[in-house]
Amino acid sequence: MISIALDAMGGDFAPAEIIRGAVAGGKEAGVHLLLIGPAKTLRSELLRYDLAGLSYELVEATDIIAMEESPTQAMRRKPNSSVAVATRLVKEGHADAALTMGHSGAALIAGRWILGMLPGVARPALPAPYLGIQPEVTLIDAGGNTDVRPVHMLQFAQMGAIYAGVVVGIANPRVGLLSNGREPGKGSELLKATYTLLQESALNFIGNIEGNDIPAGVADVVVHDGLVGNVALKLTEGVIRAVLEQTQSALLQALPEESEAIQAALDRVRATNHYSRWGAVPLLGIDGLLLVGHGRSRAKAVIGGIKSAKKAVASQILSQLRANWGA
């Protein structure tokens, strides 16, 4: 049985929503959960649920990293934080993967300090599906690195291509560089230098792509820095939300007798494009599996994160990165 170390104290709605999702997700995915946090607090939360069929154990963690804390300082001051303990369980071989919905900066530091980097990888990166619009399109980096160099962007592309091949299941994925124009000379100096590195690589590089190419599925892997990737995803989430609200208003005015069917159809579209479907994504480039979810995650996203962690373990993405890195 796959074992997942779950940071039960990470996120805006921890521990209540994390435990609620853990109980449902652990049963549904058929995994063994190591629930990390103050044991007394976790036992109190678990009393609310029927635990029959859930494989779990509690692992004590005395410290909690709040979302507003400086990640570097917090990791130094709190070596026994729930995210650090979860990551350490992977390092020591007690868990196949760690999962946190808490402080993403602390998760990145835990990954680097505790698990270490894969040989030759300079920066870790977060891959993310382009929601339900193009769920097989991988955006990388989705928020891990805001200040990067061309070599980092090349490595993001290489890791993203391996991820797309192993986890998403796309053979020889098309790699596109997100820019403000398709011509090779477009973009900042960073993008121009990255373009040259990608062109000289063994990747299936298709050149620059523009923002409207992402929802069209022109590329399977979209490369950018973490600032652009995070903005692209959150902007898309906001646009989807606003357009659906406008659509709902217009349809209800035009077809008031069909309100129930309209509401149900739009709710399905909302659910299809909600981050909770995936819950969390693996931090690529570190020497272990650590998945990071949204800080505002509720139980549904935790369930998605547990399923994503199970899929990451089963796909052997870490072994593929170790074997194929630099190839």
Protein backbone atom coordinates (compact mmCIF):
# COMPACT_ATOMS: atom_id res chain seq x y z
CA MET A 1 0.00 0.00 0.00
CA ILE A 2 1.28 3.45 -0.94
CA SER A 3 2.06 5.61 2.11
CA ILE A 4 1.48 9.37 2.08
CA ALA A 5 2.66 11.72 4.82
CA LEU A 6 -0.02 14.40 5.07
CA ASP A 7 0.70 17.75 6.71
CA ALA A 8 -2.56 17.96 8.67
CA MET A 9 -1.78 21.47 9.97
CA GLY A 10 -1.03 23.15 6.63
CA GLY A 11 -3.47 25.58 5.01
CA ASP A 12 -6.05 28.19 5.91
CA PHE A 13 -8.63 25.61 7.00
CA ALA A 14 -6.40 23.15 8.85
CA PRO A 15 -6.83 20.89 10.65
CA ALA A 16 -10.61 20.48 10.23
CA GLU A 17 -10.79 20.47 6.43
CA ILE A 18 -7.52 18.58 6.03
CA ILE A 19 -8.73 15.77 8.27
CA ARG A 20 -12.15 15.70 6.61
CA GLY A 21 -10.49 15.31 3.24
CA ALA A 22 -7.98 12.82 4.59
CA VAL A 23 -10.67 10.47 5.87
CA ALA A 24 -12.61 10.51 2.60
CA GLY A 25 -9.54 10.59 0.35
CA GLY A 26 -7.65 7.90 2.21
CA LYS A 27 -10.56 5.49 1.90
CA GLU A 28 -11.26 6.37 -1.72
CA ALA A 29 -7.64 6.14 -2.88
CA GLY A 30 -6.80 3.10 -0.78
CA VAL A 31 -3.58 4.53 0.62
CA HIS A 32 -1.97 4.54 4.06
CA LEU A 33 -1.92 8.02 5.58
CA LEU A 34 0.57 9.32 8.10
CA LEU A 35 -1.24 12.31 9.61
CA ILE A 36 1.24 14.89 10.86
CA GLY A 37 0.48 17.37 13.63
CA PRO A 38 -0.24 17.62 17.37
CA ALA A 39 -1.64 14.16 18.13
CA LYS A 40 -4.19 15.42 20.66
CA THR A 41 -5.62 17.89 18.13
CA LEU A 42 -5.77 15.30 15.37
CA ARG A 43 -7.45 12.69 17.56
CA SER A 44 -10.12 15.23 18.46
CA GLU A 45 -10.82 15.90 14.77
CA LEU A 46 -10.87 12.21 13.88
CA LEU A 47 -13.58 11.53 16.48
CA ARG A 48 -16.04 13.21 14.12
CA TYR A 49 -15.76 10.47 11.49
CA ASP A 50 -16.31 6.79 10.86
CA LEU A 51 -12.76 5.54 10.42
CA ALA A 52 -13.67 2.03 9.28
CA GLY A 53 -11.68 1.23 6.14
CA LEU A 54 -9.16 4.04 6.70
CA SER A 55 -5.50 3.02 7.02
CA TYR A 56 -3.71 5.67 9.04
CA GLU A 57 -1.38 6.53 11.89
CA LEU A 58 -0.61 9.71 13.76
CA VAL A 59 2.86 11.27 13.78
CA GLU A 60 3.56 14.00 16.31
CA ALA A 61 4.71 17.41 15.11
CA THR A 62 5.06 20.13 17.71
CA ASP A 63 5.45 23.16 15.44
CA ILE A 64 3.18 24.77 12.86
CA ILE A 65 4.25 27.26 10.17
CA ALA A 66 1.63 29.96 9.66
CA MET A 67 0.91 31.27 6.17
CA GLU A 68 2.15 34.78 7.04
CA GLU A 69 5.54 33.64 8.37
CA SER A 70 8.81 34.06 6.51
CA PRO A 71 9.47 30.56 5.15
CA THR A 72 13.24 30.58 5.64
CA GLN A 73 13.11 31.93 9.16
CA ALA A 74 10.23 29.63 10.11
CA MET A 75 12.00 26.53 8.82
CA ARG A 76 15.09 27.43 10.85
CA ARG A 77 13.13 28.16 14.03
CA LYS A 78 10.72 25.26 13.69
CA PRO A 79 12.59 22.10 12.68
CA ASN A 80 9.69 19.98 13.95
CA SER A 81 6.99 21.75 11.95
CA SER A 82 4.33 19.55 10.38
CA VAL A 83 5.65 20.17 6.84
CA ALA A 84 9.24 19.41 7.90
CA VAL A 85 8.22 16.20 9.68
CA ALA A 86 6.17 15.07 6.67
CA THR A 87 9.10 15.70 4.34
CA ARG A 88 11.52 13.96 6.69
CA LEU A 89 9.33 10.84 6.64
CA VAL A 90 9.90 10.64 2.89
CA LYS A 91 13.63 11.17 3.31
CA GLU A 92 13.81 8.36 5.89
CA GLY A 93 11.78 5.97 3.74
CA HIS A 94 8.70 5.84 5.98
CA ALA A 95 6.46 7.43 3.32
CA ASP A 96 6.39 7.29 -0.47
CA ALA A 97 5.29 10.93 -0.78
CA ALA A 98 4.52 13.97 1.36
CA LEU A 99 1.53 16.25 0.80
CA THR A 100 0.96 19.75 2.17
CA MET A 101 -1.71 22.40 1.62
CA GLY A 102 0.27 24.81 3.77
CA HIS A 103 2.91 27.47 3.19
CA SER A 104 4.25 26.85 -0.34
CA GLY A 105 7.48 28.71 0.40
CA ALA A 106 8.11 26.53 3.43
CA ALA A 107 7.38 23.45 1.32
CA LEU A 108 9.95 24.52 -1.27
CA ILE A 109 12.56 25.04 1.44
CA ALA A 110 11.68 21.72 3.11
CA GLY A 111 12.12 20.00 -0.22
CA ARG A 112 15.49 21.58 -0.87
CA TRP A 113 16.90 21.32 2.67
CA ILE A 114 15.57 17.90 3.66
CA LEU A 115 15.27 15.94 0.43
CA GLY A 116 17.97 17.79 -1.49
CA MET A 117 18.12 18.56 -5.20
CA LEU A 118 18.56 16.06 -7.99
CA PRO A 119 22.15 16.19 -9.30
CA GLY A 120 22.50 19.06 -11.76
CA VAL A 121 19.12 20.67 -11.07
CA ALA A 122 19.49 24.30 -10.00
CA ARG A 123 15.91 25.14 -9.04
CA PRO A 124 12.79 23.13 -8.18
CA ALA A 125 9.66 23.87 -10.20
CA LEU A 126 5.92 23.30 -9.91
CA PRO A 127 4.04 21.87 -12.91
CA ALA A 128 0.32 22.60 -13.15
CA PRO A 129 -2.46 21.53 -15.54
CA TYR A 130 -4.23 24.30 -17.39
CA LEU A 131 -7.38 23.64 -15.40
CA GLY A 132 -10.26 21.94 -17.19
CA ILE A 133 -9.74 24.01 -20.33
CA GLN A 134 -6.66 21.99 -21.30
CA PRO A 135 -6.01 19.52 -18.45
CA GLU A 136 -3.27 17.76 -20.43
CA VAL A 137 -1.31 20.99 -20.94
CA THR A 138 1.38 21.48 -18.28
CA LEU A 139 2.43 24.96 -17.21
CA ILE A 140 5.87 25.14 -15.60
CA ASP A 141 6.94 26.90 -13.40
CA ALA A 142 3.59 27.58 -11.74
CA GLY A 143 4.89 29.65 -8.84
CA GLY A 144 8.09 28.30 -7.37
CA ASN A 145 10.62 30.76 -8.85
CA THR A 146 10.08 34.41 -9.68
CA ASP A 147 13.69 35.37 -10.49
CA VAL A 148 15.29 32.98 -12.95
CA ARG A 149 18.04 32.66 -15.54
CA PRO A 150 17.86 31.01 -18.98
CA VAL A 151 19.42 27.77 -17.69
CA HIS A 152 16.65 27.52 -15.09
CA MET A 153 14.01 27.90 -17.80
CA LEU A 154 15.70 25.17 -19.83
CA GLN A 155 15.61 22.86 -16.83
CA PHE A 156 11.94 23.68 -16.22
CA ALA A 157 11.27 22.63 -19.81
CA GLN A 158 13.23 19.40 -19.42
CA MET A 159 11.47 18.47 -16.18
CA GLY A 160 8.11 19.49 -17.60
CA ALA A 161 8.61 17.29 -20.66
CA ILE A 162 9.44 14.27 -18.47
CA TYR A 163 6.40 14.99 -16.30
CA ALA A 164 4.14 15.32 -19.36
CA GLY A 165 5.44 12.04 -20.72
CA VAL A 166 5.29 9.99 -17.52
CA VAL A 167 2.37 11.43 -15.56
CA VAL A 168 0.16 12.97 -18.25
CA GLY A 169 1.01 10.27 -20.79
CA ILE A 170 2.04 12.35 -23.81
CA ALA A 171 4.80 10.88 -25.96
CA ASN A 172 7.37 13.42 -27.20
CA PRO A 173 5.48 16.43 -25.78
CA ARG A 174 5.56 19.72 -27.66
CA VAL A 175 7.36 22.40 -25.65
CA GLY A 176 6.45 26.06 -26.14
CA LEU A 177 8.04 29.16 -24.62
CA LEU A 178 5.44 31.68 -23.46
CA SER A 179 6.20 35.10 -24.91
CA ASN A 180 4.48 38.18 -26.32
CA GLY A 181 4.83 36.99 -29.90
CA ARG A 182 5.60 33.85 -31.87
CA GLU A 183 8.66 35.24 -33.67
CA PRO A 184 12.06 34.06 -32.31
CA GLY A 185 13.16 37.62 -31.52
CA LYS A 186 10.17 38.44 -29.35
CA GLY A 187 10.24 38.86 -25.60
CA SER A 188 12.71 39.94 -22.94
CA GLU A 189 16.43 39.19 -22.93
CA LEU A 190 15.63 36.26 -20.64
CA LEU A 191 13.19 34.81 -23.17
CA LYS A 192 15.52 35.35 -26.11
CA ALA A 193 18.37 33.56 -24.37
CA THR A 194 16.02 30.78 -23.25
CA TYR A 195 14.75 30.39 -26.80
CA THR A 196 18.30 29.68 -27.99
CA LEU A 197 18.88 27.08 -25.27
CA LEU A 198 15.59 25.34 -26.03
CA GLN A 199 16.31 25.38 -29.75
CA GLU A 200 19.67 23.69 -29.14
CA SER A 201 18.20 21.09 -26.77
CA ALA A 202 16.89 17.61 -27.58
CA LEU A 203 13.36 18.69 -26.62
CA ASN A 204 10.49 18.83 -29.11
CA PHE A 205 10.62 22.63 -29.03
CA ILE A 206 8.00 24.32 -31.22
CA GLY A 207 9.12 27.89 -30.54
CA ASN A 208 7.42 30.83 -28.88
CA ILE A 209 3.73 30.72 -28.13
CA GLU A 210 1.36 33.47 -27.01
CA GLY A 211 -1.12 33.52 -24.17
CA ASN A 212 -4.08 32.64 -26.37
CA ASP A 213 -2.22 29.54 -27.59
CA ILE A 214 -2.41 27.94 -24.13
CA PRO A 215 -6.18 27.29 -24.09
CA ALA A 216 -5.94 26.23 -27.75
CA GLY A 217 -3.57 23.41 -26.75
CA VAL A 218 -0.84 24.45 -29.18
CA ALA A 219 1.87 23.16 -26.81
CA ASP A 220 1.84 20.29 -24.31
CA VAL A 221 4.39 21.96 -22.01
CA VAL A 222 4.33 25.75 -21.57
CA VAL A 223 7.55 27.20 -20.13
CA HIS A 224 7.76 30.45 -18.15
CA ASP A 225 9.01 31.74 -14.82
CA GLY A 226 6.99 31.27 -11.64
CA LEU A 227 5.65 34.82 -11.61
CA VAL A 228 4.15 34.57 -15.09
CA GLY A 229 2.88 31.05 -14.48
CA ASN A 230 1.14 31.95 -11.24
CA VAL A 231 -0.45 35.03 -12.81
CA ALA A 232 -1.57 33.03 -15.87
CA LEU A 233 -3.31 30.40 -13.76
CA LYS A 234 -4.98 32.81 -11.35
CA LEU A 235 -6.03 35.15 -14.15
CA THR A 236 -7.60 32.20 -15.96
CA GLU A 237 -9.42 31.15 -12.77
CA GLY A 238 -10.75 34.69 -12.38
CA VAL A 239 -11.83 35.00 -16.02
CA ILE A 240 -13.63 31.64 -15.89
CA ARG A 241 -15.44 32.70 -12.72
CA ALA A 242 -16.47 36.10 -14.16
CA VAL A 243 -17.57 34.72 -17.54
CA LEU A 244 -19.64 31.98 -15.92
CA GLU A 245 -21.34 34.53 -13.66
CA GLN A 246 -22.19 36.72 -16.66
CA THR A 247 -23.36 33.70 -18.64
CA GLN A 248 -25.54 32.53 -15.78
CA SER A 249 -27.14 35.95 -15.41
CA ALA A 250 -27.84 36.26 -19.14
CA LEU A 251 -29.27 32.75 -19.47
CA LEU A 252 -31.48 33.05 -16.41
CA GLN A 253 -32.94 36.28 -17.75
CA ALA A 254 -33.53 34.77 -21.19
CA LEU A 255 -34.73 31.35 -20.01
CA PRO A 256 -36.09 31.67 -16.46
CA GLU A 257 -38.08 28.45 -16.83
CA GLU A 258 -34.82 26.53 -17.37
CA SER A 259 -33.06 27.91 -14.30
CA GLU A 260 -32.47 24.53 -12.66
CA ALA A 261 -30.90 22.98 -15.76
CA ILE A 262 -28.82 26.10 -16.44
CA GLN A 263 -27.49 26.17 -12.88
CA ALA A 264 -26.62 22.47 -12.98
CA ALA A 265 -24.78 22.79 -16.31
CA LEU A 266 -22.75 25.79 -15.20
CA ASP A 267 -21.90 24.14 -11.89
CA ARG A 268 -20.44 21.22 -13.86
CA VAL A 269 -18.24 23.63 -15.82
CA ARG A 270 -17.13 25.30 -12.58
CA ALA A 271 -16.22 21.96 -11.05
CA THR A 272 -14.32 20.92 -14.18
CA ASN A 273 -12.11 24.00 -13.91
CA HIS A 274 -11.61 24.06 -10.15
CA TYR A 275 -8.13 23.38 -8.73
CA SER A 276 -9.60 20.89 -6.29
CA ARG A 277 -9.80 18.33 -9.11
CA TRP A 278 -6.02 17.92 -8.85
CA GLY A 279 -5.55 19.20 -5.32
CA ALA A 280 -1.76 19.30 -5.45
CA VAL A 281 1.20 18.96 -7.80
CA PRO A 282 4.66 17.49 -7.20
CA LEU A 283 7.63 19.77 -6.70
CA LEU A 284 9.99 18.70 -9.48
CA GLY A 285 13.76 18.78 -9.16
CA ILE A 286 14.04 17.64 -5.55
CA ASP A 287 15.22 14.13 -4.68
CA GLY A 288 11.91 12.88 -3.28
CA LEU A 289 8.18 13.28 -3.75
CA LEU A 290 6.63 16.33 -2.11
CA LEU A 291 3.29 17.60 -3.41
CA VAL A 292 2.08 21.14 -2.78
CA GLY A 293 -1.55 22.24 -2.80
CA HIS A 294 -3.46 25.50 -2.57
CA GLY A 295 -3.40 27.28 0.78
CA ARG A 296 -7.18 27.77 0.63
CA SER A 297 -7.81 24.06 0.12
CA ARG A 298 -10.85 22.48 1.67
CA ALA A 299 -11.65 18.77 1.96
CA LYS A 300 -12.38 18.27 -1.75
CA ALA A 301 -8.94 19.58 -2.70
CA VAL A 302 -7.30 17.35 -0.08
CA ILE A 303 -9.02 14.35 -1.67
CA GLY A 304 -7.68 15.48 -5.05
CA GLY A 305 -4.22 15.94 -3.57
CA ILE A 306 -4.18 12.43 -2.11
CA LYS A 307 -5.16 11.02 -5.50
CA SER A 308 -2.47 13.11 -7.22
CA ALA A 309 0.12 11.89 -4.72
CA LYS A 310 -0.87 8.29 -5.36
CA LYS A 311 -0.64 8.86 -9.12
CA ALA A 312 2.79 10.49 -8.79
CA VAL A 313 4.09 7.49 -6.83
CA ALA A 314 2.54 4.96 -9.20
CA SER A 315 3.86 6.74 -12.31
CA GLN A 316 7.41 6.55 -10.91
CA ILE A 317 8.01 10.16 -11.95
CA LEU A 318 10.89 10.48 -9.48
CA SER A 319 12.67 7.43 -10.92
CA GLN A 320 12.17 8.82 -14.42
CA LEU A 321 13.59 12.19 -13.44
CA ARG A 322 16.58 10.51 -11.83
CA ALA A 323 17.16 8.27 -14.86
CA ASN A 324 16.43 10.77 -17.62
CA TRP A 325 17.71 14.00 -16.18
CA GLY A 326 20.00 15.67 -18.65
CA ALA A 327 19.32 13.06 -21.33
